[in-house]
């Protein structure tokens, strides 16, 4: 019931947004880019983009399926794997920038028990997204960027983890023409 309730709340919020825009003169006075954002936020395309049930089962399986249950003490949210597929659907709906955020990477400890669970999911999701964007011809217009804000120490600490090390970092870039 929680997920259904979340979807109803989202739909109600979008409906409220549409009514507020319709009643105000904000839209008419907005620039082209703001109007485009209002059009996306106020359209049924946004709601449709978030409905992953319309995707083929085999494609859903390529992206992977997750759980909305909290992982590693983090708050629950949309399942990790669903966010990758939803990002592609949002781009197709006209959204120009999609941000996915995955917490629980601050591995000062338990590297060897937690990362073997997290890393394959990240790999599967990013790979499916990049492949799917390429197969749909969207890779020329979309850039996928994955990065963390700092690197990790080259040595393992006492807690079987790595500490912050701003001298190094890494990023993954794909697409964008």
Protein backbone atom coordinates (compact mmCIF):
# COMPACT_ATOMS: atom_id res chain seq x y z
CA UNK A 1 0.00 0.00 0.00
CA UNK A 2 2.94 2.34 0.62
CA UNK A 3 4.07 2.43 -3.01
CA UNK A 4 0.52 2.96 -4.25
CA UNK A 5 0.09 5.75 -1.72
CA UNK A 6 3.33 7.36 -2.89
CA UNK A 7 2.14 7.25 -6.50
CA UNK A 8 -1.21 8.77 -5.58
CA UNK A 9 0.53 11.55 -3.64
CA UNK A 10 2.81 12.26 -6.61
CA UNK A 11 -0.14 12.38 -8.99
CA UNK A 12 -2.03 14.71 -6.64
CA UNK A 13 1.03 16.98 -6.44
CA UNK A 14 1.33 17.13 -10.23
CA UNK A 15 -2.40 17.90 -10.52
CA UNK A 16 -2.06 20.73 -7.96
CA UNK A 17 0.91 22.09 -9.90
CA UNK A 18 -1.08 22.05 -13.16
CA UNK A 19 -4.01 23.92 -11.57
CA UNK A 20 -1.71 26.56 -10.05
CA UNK A 21 0.00 27.19 -13.39
CA UNK A 22 -3.35 27.37 -15.19
CA UNK A 23 -4.61 30.01 -12.70
CA UNK A 24 -1.51 32.20 -12.77
CA UNK A 25 0.19 34.33 -15.39
CA UNK A 26 3.57 32.77 -14.62
CA UNK A 27 3.53 30.63 -17.75
CA UNK A 28 2.89 33.52 -20.14
CA UNK A 29 5.70 35.60 -18.65
CA UNK A 30 8.24 32.75 -18.56
CA UNK A 31 11.12 32.28 -20.98
CA UNK A 32 11.23 29.39 -23.45
CA UNK A 33 13.18 27.05 -21.17
CA UNK A 34 10.95 27.68 -18.17
CA UNK A 35 7.88 27.05 -20.32
CA UNK A 36 9.42 23.81 -21.53
CA UNK A 37 10.01 22.77 -17.90
CA UNK A 38 6.40 23.67 -17.01
CA UNK A 39 5.16 21.69 -20.02
CA UNK A 40 7.06 18.60 -18.91
CA UNK A 41 6.07 18.94 -15.24
CA UNK A 42 2.45 19.59 -16.11
CA UNK A 43 2.01 16.93 -18.75
CA UNK A 44 0.80 13.40 -18.57
CA UNK A 45 4.17 12.46 -20.15
CA UNK A 46 5.81 12.84 -16.74
CA UNK A 47 3.36 10.48 -15.07
CA UNK A 48 3.67 8.03 -17.96
CA UNK A 49 7.47 8.17 -17.77
CA UNK A 50 7.35 7.12 -14.15
CA UNK A 51 5.13 4.12 -14.89
CA UNK A 52 7.66 1.35 -15.40
CA UNK A 53 4.96 -1.29 -15.69
CA UNK A 54 4.63 -0.37 -19.38
CA UNK A 55 8.15 -1.62 -20.10
CA UNK A 56 8.82 -5.06 -21.51
CA UNK A 57 9.69 -7.66 -18.86
CA UNK A 58 12.98 -8.55 -20.56
CA UNK A 59 14.07 -4.90 -20.56
CA UNK A 60 13.13 -4.56 -16.88
CA UNK A 61 15.23 -7.64 -16.18
CA UNK A 62 18.22 -6.13 -18.03
CA UNK A 63 18.05 -3.08 -15.78
CA UNK A 64 17.54 -5.31 -12.76
CA UNK A 65 14.91 -5.26 -10.12
CA UNK A 66 15.38 -3.97 -6.66
CA UNK A 67 13.55 -3.42 -3.44
CA UNK A 68 12.35 -0.20 -1.85
CA UNK A 69 13.42 -1.54 1.55
CA UNK A 70 16.19 0.44 3.25
CA UNK A 71 19.69 -0.83 2.49
CA UNK A 72 22.63 -0.46 4.85
CA UNK A 73 20.74 1.81 7.24
CA UNK A 74 19.77 4.30 4.52
CA UNK A 75 16.28 5.64 3.95
CA UNK A 76 14.20 3.69 1.49
CA UNK A 77 13.28 5.29 -1.81
CA UNK A 78 12.63 4.17 -5.33
CA UNK A 79 14.55 0.96 -5.89
CA UNK A 80 18.01 1.64 -7.28
CA UNK A 81 17.47 -0.33 -10.43
CA UNK A 82 14.14 1.34 -11.22
CA UNK A 83 15.80 4.76 -11.12
CA UNK A 84 18.05 3.92 -14.08
CA UNK A 85 15.09 2.88 -16.24
CA UNK A 86 13.03 5.84 -15.05
CA UNK A 87 15.88 8.17 -16.07
CA UNK A 88 15.72 6.88 -19.64
CA UNK A 89 11.95 7.24 -19.71
CA UNK A 90 12.16 10.80 -18.35
CA UNK A 91 14.63 11.75 -21.10
CA UNK A 92 12.22 10.34 -23.68
CA UNK A 93 9.45 12.45 -22.08
CA UNK A 94 11.49 15.61 -22.64
CA UNK A 95 13.30 16.08 -19.34
CA UNK A 96 16.69 17.61 -20.12
CA UNK A 97 18.53 16.79 -16.90
CA UNK A 98 17.96 13.76 -14.68
CA UNK A 99 19.89 13.23 -11.47
CA UNK A 100 20.11 9.89 -9.70
CA UNK A 101 21.58 9.78 -6.23
CA UNK A 102 22.74 6.69 -4.45
CA UNK A 103 23.98 6.98 -0.92
CA UNK A 104 25.78 4.57 1.35
CA UNK A 105 29.10 4.64 -0.51
CA UNK A 106 31.01 6.24 2.37
CA UNK A 107 32.85 3.03 3.14
CA UNK A 108 35.06 3.77 6.13
CA UNK A 109 34.35 0.19 7.12
CA UNK A 110 32.92 -3.07 5.82
CA UNK A 111 34.27 -2.60 2.28
CA UNK A 112 34.51 -6.30 1.70
CA UNK A 113 30.97 -7.14 2.80
CA UNK A 114 28.99 -4.20 1.40
CA UNK A 115 30.70 -3.32 -1.87
CA UNK A 116 30.24 -6.82 -3.36
CA UNK A 117 26.50 -6.16 -3.01
CA UNK A 118 26.46 -2.55 -4.20
CA UNK A 119 28.94 -2.57 -7.08
CA UNK A 120 27.25 -5.22 -9.26
CA UNK A 121 23.96 -3.30 -8.98
CA UNK A 122 25.61 -0.05 -10.03
CA UNK A 123 27.38 -1.84 -12.89
CA UNK A 124 24.16 -3.48 -14.10
CA UNK A 125 22.13 -0.27 -13.93
CA UNK A 126 24.68 1.97 -15.64
CA UNK A 127 25.37 -0.65 -18.32
CA UNK A 128 21.67 -1.16 -19.05
CA UNK A 129 21.08 2.60 -19.21
CA UNK A 130 24.00 3.28 -21.56
CA UNK A 131 23.10 0.31 -23.80
CA UNK A 132 19.42 1.29 -23.87
CA UNK A 133 20.20 4.93 -24.72
CA UNK A 134 22.49 3.73 -27.54
CA UNK A 135 19.92 1.25 -28.90
CA UNK A 136 17.29 4.01 -29.01
CA UNK A 137 19.61 6.53 -30.66
CA UNK A 138 19.53 8.80 -27.61
CA UNK A 139 23.24 8.50 -26.86
CA UNK A 140 24.05 11.40 -29.17
CA UNK A 141 21.91 13.77 -27.09
CA UNK A 142 22.40 12.36 -23.60
CA UNK A 143 25.53 12.27 -21.48
CA UNK A 144 25.66 9.83 -18.59
CA UNK A 145 28.03 10.90 -15.81
CA UNK A 146 28.80 8.89 -12.70
CA UNK A 147 31.18 10.21 -10.08
CA UNK A 148 31.88 10.63 -6.42
CA UNK A 149 33.00 13.83 -4.77
CA UNK A 150 36.40 12.49 -3.68
CA UNK A 151 38.62 9.45 -3.81
CA UNK A 152 39.58 6.93 -1.19
CA UNK A 153 42.85 6.19 0.52
CA UNK A 154 44.99 3.54 -1.16
CA UNK A 155 45.33 1.69 2.15
CA UNK A 156 42.66 -0.24 4.02
CA UNK A 157 41.98 1.16 7.51
CA UNK A 158 41.38 -0.74 10.77
CA UNK A 159 37.67 -1.02 10.01
CA UNK A 160 38.25 -2.80 6.69
CA UNK A 161 37.37 0.36 4.79
CA UNK A 162 38.99 3.34 3.14
CA UNK A 163 38.99 6.93 4.33
CA UNK A 164 38.54 10.17 2.36
CA UNK A 165 41.39 11.10 0.05
CA UNK A 166 40.78 14.23 -2.04
CA UNK A 167 44.02 13.72 -3.98
CA UNK A 168 42.22 11.23 -6.20
CA UNK A 169 38.80 10.85 -7.76
CA UNK A 170 37.19 9.09 -10.67
CA UNK A 171 34.37 9.67 -13.11
CA UNK A 172 32.60 7.71 -15.81
CA UNK A 173 31.29 9.49 -18.93
CA UNK A 174 29.24 7.95 -21.72
CA UNK A 175 27.32 9.32 -24.70
CA UNK A 176 26.87 12.98 -25.49
CA UNK A 177 27.76 12.70 -29.14
